Amino acid sequence: MAISTSAEDDVLSEINVTPLVDVMLVLLVAFIVTAPLMNNAIQVNLPKTAATKAPEPKKPVTVSVDAAGKLFIDREEYPLEKIEPALKQLHDHNPDVTLHLSSDEAVNYGKVAKVMAAIERAGITRVAVLTQGE
């Protein structure tokens, strides 16, 4: 009768994964090396065109109210009643016109409010109020 020891009867409960890892690393290296060589693009002859310049951004229009209450559109003086038609003409010429509004700090708020109302009635929606940093 054969006597067996418990060490001989134990079943291997662990799988040796070292060969599996080796094979996977070889496959990974093969894919990394061959991936840049694969070209899935269809060969076409592209037409030649002349390069065009991108449109330059439009300079914003400046509406100013000086300390004396005089109104200016880009350094040209306008009376209050002529501001709205002039702004309407600017808006009709370029609907995406950008407007910078600046006024002297000594100007009455009512005067600036009238100018802002004229800007709104002219249909201009892109307005920036300019201030001086402290």
N, C-alpha and C. Protein backbone atom coordinates (compact mmCIF):
# COMPACT_ATOMS: atom_id res chain seq x y z
N MET A 1 0.82 -1.14 0.00
CA MET A 1 0.00 0.00 0.00
C MET A 1 0.89 1.23 0.00
N ALA A 2 0.49 2.15 -0.80
CA ALA A 2 1.30 3.36 -0.95
C ALA A 2 0.80 4.44 -0.02
N ILE A 3 1.72 5.03 0.61
CA ILE A 3 1.37 6.12 1.51
C ILE A 3 1.68 7.42 0.76
N SER A 4 0.68 8.24 0.71
CA SER A 4 0.91 9.51 0.00
C SER A 4 0.93 10.64 1.01
N THR A 5 1.73 11.54 0.71
CA THR A 5 1.80 12.70 1.59
C THR A 5 0.84 13.77 1.06
N SER A 6 0.43 14.61 1.93
CA SER A 6 -0.54 15.64 1.53
C SER A 6 0.07 16.63 0.54
N ALA A 7 1.36 16.79 0.52
CA ALA A 7 1.99 17.74 -0.38
C ALA A 7 1.88 17.28 -1.82
N GLU A 8 1.86 15.97 -2.07
CA GLU A 8 1.79 15.45 -3.42
C GLU A 8 0.37 15.50 -3.96
N ASP A 9 -0.64 15.43 -3.12
CA ASP A 9 -2.03 15.39 -3.55
C ASP A 9 -2.64 16.78 -3.78
N ASP A 10 -1.96 17.83 -3.37
CA ASP A 10 -2.53 19.18 -3.54
C ASP A 10 -2.64 19.52 -5.03
N VAL A 11 -3.79 20.08 -5.36
CA VAL A 11 -4.02 20.50 -6.74
C VAL A 11 -3.50 21.94 -6.87
N LEU A 12 -2.91 22.21 -8.00
CA LEU A 12 -2.43 23.57 -8.22
C LEU A 12 -3.64 24.49 -8.32
N SER A 13 -3.74 25.43 -7.42
CA SER A 13 -4.88 26.34 -7.42
C SER A 13 -4.56 27.65 -8.13
N GLU A 14 -3.34 27.86 -8.50
CA GLU A 14 -2.95 29.08 -9.19
C GLU A 14 -2.60 28.76 -10.63
N ILE A 15 -3.01 29.68 -11.53
CA ILE A 15 -2.65 29.53 -12.94
C ILE A 15 -1.47 30.45 -13.19
N ASN A 16 -0.52 29.95 -13.89
CA ASN A 16 0.65 30.75 -14.21
C ASN A 16 0.29 31.67 -15.39
N VAL A 17 0.22 32.97 -15.12
CA VAL A 17 -0.20 33.93 -16.15
C VAL A 17 1.00 34.60 -16.83
N THR A 18 2.18 34.25 -16.47
CA THR A 18 3.35 34.87 -17.07
C THR A 18 3.40 34.68 -18.58
N PRO A 19 3.16 33.49 -19.12
CA PRO A 19 3.16 33.35 -20.58
C PRO A 19 2.04 34.18 -21.25
N LEU A 20 0.89 34.27 -20.58
CA LEU A 20 -0.21 35.06 -21.13
C LEU A 20 0.17 36.54 -21.21
N VAL A 21 0.79 37.05 -20.16
CA VAL A 21 1.22 38.45 -20.15
C VAL A 21 2.28 38.68 -21.22
N ASP A 22 3.19 37.74 -21.40
CA ASP A 22 4.22 37.88 -22.43
C ASP A 22 3.60 37.97 -23.82
N VAL A 23 2.63 37.12 -24.09
CA VAL A 23 1.97 37.13 -25.40
C VAL A 23 1.22 38.44 -25.61
N MET A 24 0.52 38.91 -24.58
CA MET A 24 -0.25 40.15 -24.70
C MET A 24 0.67 41.35 -24.94
N LEU A 25 1.80 41.39 -24.28
CA LEU A 25 2.74 42.49 -24.49
C LEU A 25 3.32 42.46 -25.91
N VAL A 26 3.59 41.28 -26.43
CA VAL A 26 4.09 41.17 -27.80
C VAL A 26 3.03 41.67 -28.78
N LEU A 27 1.76 41.29 -28.55
CA LEU A 27 0.68 41.77 -29.42
C LEU A 27 0.51 43.29 -29.32
N LEU A 28 0.61 43.81 -28.11
CA LEU A 28 0.48 45.25 -27.92
C LEU A 28 1.58 46.00 -28.68
N VAL A 29 2.80 45.53 -28.58
CA VAL A 29 3.90 46.16 -29.29
C VAL A 29 3.68 46.07 -30.80
N ALA A 30 3.18 44.93 -31.27
CA ALA A 30 2.93 44.77 -32.70
C ALA A 30 1.87 45.77 -33.18
N PHE A 31 0.80 45.96 -32.41
CA PHE A 31 -0.24 46.92 -32.80
C PHE A 31 0.28 48.36 -32.76
N ILE A 32 1.09 48.67 -31.76
CA ILE A 32 1.63 50.03 -31.65
C ILE A 32 2.55 50.33 -32.83
N VAL A 33 3.32 49.37 -33.26
CA VAL A 33 4.25 49.58 -34.37
C VAL A 33 3.51 49.66 -35.69
N THR A 34 2.48 48.84 -35.90
CA THR A 34 1.81 48.80 -37.20
C THR A 34 0.68 49.82 -37.34
N ALA A 35 0.16 50.36 -36.26
CA ALA A 35 -0.97 51.30 -36.35
C ALA A 35 -0.64 52.55 -37.17
N PRO A 36 0.51 53.18 -36.99
CA PRO A 36 0.80 54.36 -37.82
C PRO A 36 0.96 54.04 -39.30
N LEU A 37 1.27 52.81 -39.62
CA LEU A 37 1.47 52.44 -41.01
C LEU A 37 0.16 52.23 -41.75
N MET A 38 -0.92 52.02 -41.01
CA MET A 38 -2.22 51.80 -41.64
C MET A 38 -2.76 53.13 -42.12
N ASN A 39 -3.18 53.17 -43.37
CA ASN A 39 -3.73 54.39 -43.94
C ASN A 39 -5.09 54.04 -44.51
N ASN A 40 -6.14 54.53 -43.87
CA ASN A 40 -7.49 54.21 -44.30
C ASN A 40 -8.08 55.27 -45.22
N ALA A 41 -7.31 56.30 -45.54
CA ALA A 41 -7.84 57.39 -46.35
C ALA A 41 -7.95 56.97 -47.81
N ILE A 42 -8.96 57.50 -48.46
CA ILE A 42 -9.14 57.26 -49.88
C ILE A 42 -8.28 58.28 -50.62
N GLN A 43 -7.57 57.83 -51.61
CA GLN A 43 -6.71 58.73 -52.37
C GLN A 43 -7.55 59.59 -53.29
N VAL A 44 -7.45 60.90 -53.12
CA VAL A 44 -8.13 61.85 -54.00
C VAL A 44 -7.16 62.96 -54.36
N ASN A 45 -7.38 63.54 -55.50
CA ASN A 45 -6.59 64.71 -55.91
C ASN A 45 -7.38 65.94 -55.51
N LEU A 46 -6.89 66.68 -54.54
CA LEU A 46 -7.58 67.85 -54.04
C LEU A 46 -7.40 69.02 -55.01
N PRO A 47 -8.45 69.82 -55.17
CA PRO A 47 -8.33 70.97 -56.07
C PRO A 47 -7.46 72.07 -55.44
N LYS A 48 -6.85 72.84 -56.28
CA LYS A 48 -6.02 73.96 -55.83
C LYS A 48 -6.89 75.21 -55.76
N THR A 49 -6.74 75.96 -54.69
CA THR A 49 -7.48 77.22 -54.54
C THR A 49 -6.53 78.29 -54.04
N ALA A 50 -6.92 79.51 -54.29
CA ALA A 50 -6.14 80.64 -53.77
C ALA A 50 -6.57 80.90 -52.34
N ALA A 51 -5.62 81.16 -51.50
CA ALA A 51 -5.93 81.42 -50.10
C ALA A 51 -6.59 82.79 -49.97
N THR A 52 -7.59 82.85 -49.11
CA THR A 52 -8.25 84.13 -48.86
C THR A 52 -7.97 84.56 -47.43
N LYS A 53 -7.90 85.86 -47.25
CA LYS A 53 -7.66 86.39 -45.92
C LYS A 53 -8.95 86.36 -45.12
N ALA A 54 -8.81 86.10 -43.85
CA ALA A 54 -9.97 86.17 -42.96
C ALA A 54 -10.38 87.63 -42.83
N PRO A 55 -11.68 87.87 -42.76
CA PRO A 55 -12.11 89.26 -42.63
C PRO A 55 -11.60 89.86 -41.32
N GLU A 56 -11.13 91.09 -41.43
CA GLU A 56 -10.63 91.77 -40.24
C GLU A 56 -11.81 92.19 -39.37
N PRO A 57 -11.64 92.12 -38.08
CA PRO A 57 -12.74 92.54 -37.21
C PRO A 57 -13.02 94.02 -37.38
N LYS A 58 -14.30 94.34 -37.36
CA LYS A 58 -14.71 95.73 -37.54
C LYS A 58 -14.35 96.54 -36.30
N LYS A 59 -13.92 97.77 -36.55
CA LYS A 59 -13.61 98.68 -35.45
C LYS A 59 -14.92 99.15 -34.83
N PRO A 60 -15.04 99.10 -33.51
CA PRO A 60 -16.29 99.55 -32.89
C PRO A 60 -16.48 101.05 -33.05
N VAL A 61 -17.74 101.44 -33.13
CA VAL A 61 -18.11 102.85 -33.22
C VAL A 61 -18.17 103.40 -31.80
N THR A 62 -17.61 104.58 -31.59
CA THR A 62 -17.61 105.18 -30.26
C THR A 62 -18.58 106.35 -30.21
N VAL A 63 -19.50 106.29 -29.27
CA VAL A 63 -20.41 107.40 -29.00
C VAL A 63 -19.93 108.01 -27.69
N SER A 64 -19.63 109.31 -27.71
CA SER A 64 -19.08 109.98 -26.54
C SER A 64 -19.94 111.17 -26.15
N VAL A 65 -19.98 111.42 -24.85
CA VAL A 65 -20.62 112.62 -24.30
C VAL A 65 -19.55 113.31 -23.47
N ASP A 66 -19.18 114.54 -23.88
CA ASP A 66 -18.12 115.23 -23.14
C ASP A 66 -18.69 115.97 -21.93
N ALA A 67 -17.82 116.62 -21.19
CA ALA A 67 -18.23 117.29 -19.95
C ALA A 67 -19.24 118.39 -20.20
N ALA A 68 -19.21 119.00 -21.38
CA ALA A 68 -20.17 120.06 -21.71
C ALA A 68 -21.50 119.50 -22.18
N GLY A 69 -21.60 118.17 -22.34
CA GLY A 69 -22.85 117.55 -22.79
C GLY A 69 -22.96 117.42 -24.29
N LYS A 70 -21.88 117.70 -25.02
CA LYS A 70 -21.88 117.55 -26.48
C LYS A 70 -21.76 116.07 -26.84
N LEU A 71 -22.47 115.67 -27.89
CA LEU A 71 -22.49 114.27 -28.32
C LEU A 71 -21.61 114.09 -29.56
N PHE A 72 -20.86 113.00 -29.58
CA PHE A 72 -19.97 112.70 -30.69
C PHE A 72 -20.14 111.25 -31.10
N ILE A 73 -20.11 111.02 -32.41
CA ILE A 73 -20.01 109.67 -32.95
C ILE A 73 -18.70 109.63 -33.70
N ASP A 74 -17.75 108.88 -33.19
CA ASP A 74 -16.40 108.81 -33.76
C ASP A 74 -15.84 110.20 -34.05
N ARG A 75 -15.81 111.05 -33.05
CA ARG A 75 -15.21 112.39 -33.08
C ARG A 75 -15.98 113.40 -33.93
N GLU A 76 -17.15 113.02 -34.45
CA GLU A 76 -17.97 113.97 -35.20
C GLU A 76 -19.15 114.37 -34.32
N GLU A 77 -19.33 115.68 -34.14
CA GLU A 77 -20.35 116.17 -33.22
C GLU A 77 -21.74 116.10 -33.85
N TYR A 78 -22.72 115.68 -33.03
CA TYR A 78 -24.12 115.59 -33.44
C TYR A 78 -24.99 116.20 -32.34
N PRO A 79 -26.08 116.88 -32.73
CA PRO A 79 -27.05 117.28 -31.72
C PRO A 79 -27.86 116.05 -31.29
N LEU A 80 -28.49 116.10 -30.13
CA LEU A 80 -29.20 114.95 -29.58
C LEU A 80 -30.26 114.42 -30.54
N GLU A 81 -30.98 115.32 -31.22
CA GLU A 81 -32.05 114.87 -32.11
C GLU A 81 -31.53 114.19 -33.38
N LYS A 82 -30.25 114.34 -33.70
CA LYS A 82 -29.66 113.72 -34.90
C LYS A 82 -28.92 112.42 -34.57
N ILE A 83 -28.77 112.11 -33.29
CA ILE A 83 -28.03 110.90 -32.89
C ILE A 83 -28.76 109.64 -33.36
N GLU A 84 -30.05 109.57 -33.09
CA GLU A 84 -30.79 108.35 -33.44
C GLU A 84 -30.77 108.07 -34.94
N PRO A 85 -31.06 109.06 -35.83
CA PRO A 85 -30.98 108.75 -37.26
C PRO A 85 -29.57 108.33 -37.71
N ALA A 86 -28.55 108.94 -37.12
CA ALA A 86 -27.17 108.57 -37.48
C ALA A 86 -26.87 107.14 -37.04
N LEU A 87 -27.32 106.77 -35.84
CA LEU A 87 -27.11 105.40 -35.36
C LEU A 87 -27.92 104.41 -36.18
N LYS A 88 -29.13 104.79 -36.57
CA LYS A 88 -29.98 103.93 -37.40
C LYS A 88 -29.29 103.66 -38.73
N GLN A 89 -28.67 104.70 -39.29
CA GLN A 89 -27.94 104.55 -40.55
C GLN A 89 -26.75 103.60 -40.37
N LEU A 90 -26.04 103.73 -39.25
CA LEU A 90 -24.94 102.80 -38.96
C LEU A 90 -25.45 101.37 -38.86
N HIS A 91 -26.57 101.19 -38.18
CA HIS A 91 -27.15 99.85 -38.00
C HIS A 91 -27.63 99.28 -39.34
N ASP A 92 -28.22 100.12 -40.19
CA ASP A 92 -28.67 99.65 -41.50
C ASP A 92 -27.49 99.24 -42.38
N HIS A 93 -26.39 99.97 -42.26
CA HIS A 93 -25.18 99.65 -43.02
C HIS A 93 -24.52 98.37 -42.52
N ASN A 94 -24.52 98.17 -41.20
CA ASN A 94 -23.90 96.98 -40.59
C ASN A 94 -24.73 96.57 -39.38
N PRO A 95 -25.61 95.56 -39.53
CA PRO A 95 -26.47 95.15 -38.40
C PRO A 95 -25.69 94.61 -37.20
N ASP A 96 -24.45 94.18 -37.40
CA ASP A 96 -23.65 93.64 -36.30
C ASP A 96 -22.70 94.68 -35.72
N VAL A 97 -23.03 95.95 -35.89
CA VAL A 97 -22.16 97.01 -35.42
C VAL A 97 -22.01 96.93 -33.90
N THR A 98 -20.78 97.15 -33.43
CA THR A 98 -20.50 97.20 -32.00
C THR A 98 -20.29 98.65 -31.61
N LEU A 99 -20.90 99.04 -30.51
CA LEU A 99 -20.87 100.44 -30.09
C LEU A 99 -20.22 100.55 -28.73
N HIS A 100 -19.31 101.51 -28.57
CA HIS A 100 -18.72 101.82 -27.28
C HIS A 100 -19.27 103.16 -26.83
N LEU A 101 -19.87 103.19 -25.67
CA LEU A 101 -20.46 104.41 -25.12
C LEU A 101 -19.56 104.91 -24.00
N SER A 102 -19.10 106.15 -24.15
CA SER A 102 -18.28 106.74 -23.09
C SER A 102 -18.82 108.13 -22.79
N SER A 103 -18.79 108.47 -21.52
CA SER A 103 -19.24 109.81 -21.13
C SER A 103 -18.37 110.30 -19.98
N ASP A 104 -18.25 111.60 -19.91
CA ASP A 104 -17.51 112.23 -18.82
C ASP A 104 -18.28 111.99 -17.53
N GLU A 105 -17.57 111.84 -16.42
CA GLU A 105 -18.25 111.58 -15.16
C GLU A 105 -19.06 112.77 -14.68
N ALA A 106 -18.81 113.95 -15.23
CA ALA A 106 -19.56 115.15 -14.82
C ALA A 106 -20.89 115.28 -15.57
N VAL A 107 -21.12 114.43 -16.58
CA VAL A 107 -22.34 114.52 -17.38
C VAL A 107 -23.52 114.02 -16.57
N ASN A 108 -24.64 114.73 -16.72
CA ASN A 108 -25.88 114.35 -16.06
C ASN A 108 -26.33 112.97 -16.55
N TYR A 109 -26.80 112.13 -15.63
CA TYR A 109 -27.24 110.78 -15.99
C TYR A 109 -28.38 110.82 -17.00
N GLY A 110 -29.24 111.83 -16.91
CA GLY A 110 -30.36 111.93 -17.83
C GLY A 110 -29.91 112.04 -19.27
N LYS A 111 -28.83 112.76 -19.51
CA LYS A 111 -28.29 112.91 -20.88
C LYS A 111 -27.80 111.56 -21.40
N VAL A 112 -27.09 110.82 -20.55
CA VAL A 112 -26.59 109.50 -20.94
C VAL A 112 -27.75 108.54 -21.17
N ALA A 113 -28.79 108.62 -20.34
CA ALA A 113 -29.96 107.76 -20.51
C ALA A 113 -30.65 108.04 -21.84
N LYS A 114 -30.72 109.30 -22.25
CA LYS A 114 -31.32 109.64 -23.54
C LYS A 114 -30.50 109.06 -24.69
N VAL A 115 -29.19 109.12 -24.57
CA VAL A 115 -28.32 108.54 -25.61
C VAL A 115 -28.51 107.03 -25.66
N MET A 116 -28.59 106.38 -24.50
CA MET A 116 -28.79 104.93 -24.47
C MET A 116 -30.14 104.55 -25.07
N ALA A 117 -31.16 105.36 -24.83
CA ALA A 117 -32.48 105.10 -25.42
C ALA A 117 -32.42 105.25 -26.93
N ALA A 118 -31.69 106.24 -27.43
CA ALA A 118 -31.54 106.42 -28.87
C ALA A 118 -30.80 105.23 -29.49
N ILE A 119 -29.81 104.71 -28.78
CA ILE A 119 -29.08 103.53 -29.26
C ILE A 119 -30.03 102.34 -29.36
N GLU A 120 -30.85 102.17 -28.35
CA GLU A 120 -31.80 101.05 -28.35
C GLU A 120 -32.83 101.20 -29.46
N ARG A 121 -33.36 102.40 -29.65
CA ARG A 121 -34.35 102.62 -30.71
C ARG A 121 -33.75 102.43 -32.09
N ALA A 122 -32.45 102.67 -32.23
CA ALA A 122 -31.78 102.47 -33.51
C ALA A 122 -31.59 100.99 -33.82
N GLY A 123 -31.81 100.12 -32.83
CA GLY A 123 -31.70 98.68 -33.06
C GLY A 123 -30.33 98.11 -32.78
N ILE A 124 -29.45 98.88 -32.21
CA ILE A 124 -28.10 98.40 -31.91
C ILE A 124 -28.13 97.66 -30.58
N THR A 125 -27.67 96.41 -30.61
CA THR A 125 -27.73 95.57 -29.41
C THR A 125 -26.36 95.32 -28.79
N ARG A 126 -25.32 95.52 -29.54
CA ARG A 126 -23.96 95.28 -29.01
C ARG A 126 -23.39 96.60 -28.51
N VAL A 127 -23.57 96.85 -27.23
CA VAL A 127 -23.15 98.11 -26.63
C VAL A 127 -22.25 97.81 -25.43
N ALA A 128 -21.13 98.51 -25.37
CA ALA A 128 -20.25 98.42 -24.21
C ALA A 128 -20.11 99.81 -23.62
N VAL A 129 -20.30 99.90 -22.32
CA VAL A 129 -20.14 101.18 -21.62
C VAL A 129 -18.71 101.23 -21.11
N LEU A 130 -17.96 102.23 -21.56
CA LEU A 130 -16.55 102.34 -21.20
C LEU A 130 -16.40 103.08 -19.88
N THR A 131 -15.53 102.56 -19.03
CA THR A 131 -15.21 103.20 -17.76
C THR A 131 -13.70 103.18 -17.60
N GLN A 132 -13.23 103.94 -16.63
CA GLN A 132 -11.80 103.97 -16.34
C GLN A 132 -11.56 103.19 -15.06
N GLY A 133 -10.57 102.32 -15.07
CA GLY A 133 -10.26 101.52 -13.89
C GLY A 133 -9.72 102.38 -12.77
N GLU A 134 -9.91 101.91 -11.55
CA GLU A 134 -9.43 102.66 -10.38
C GLU A 134 -7.99 102.36 -10.10
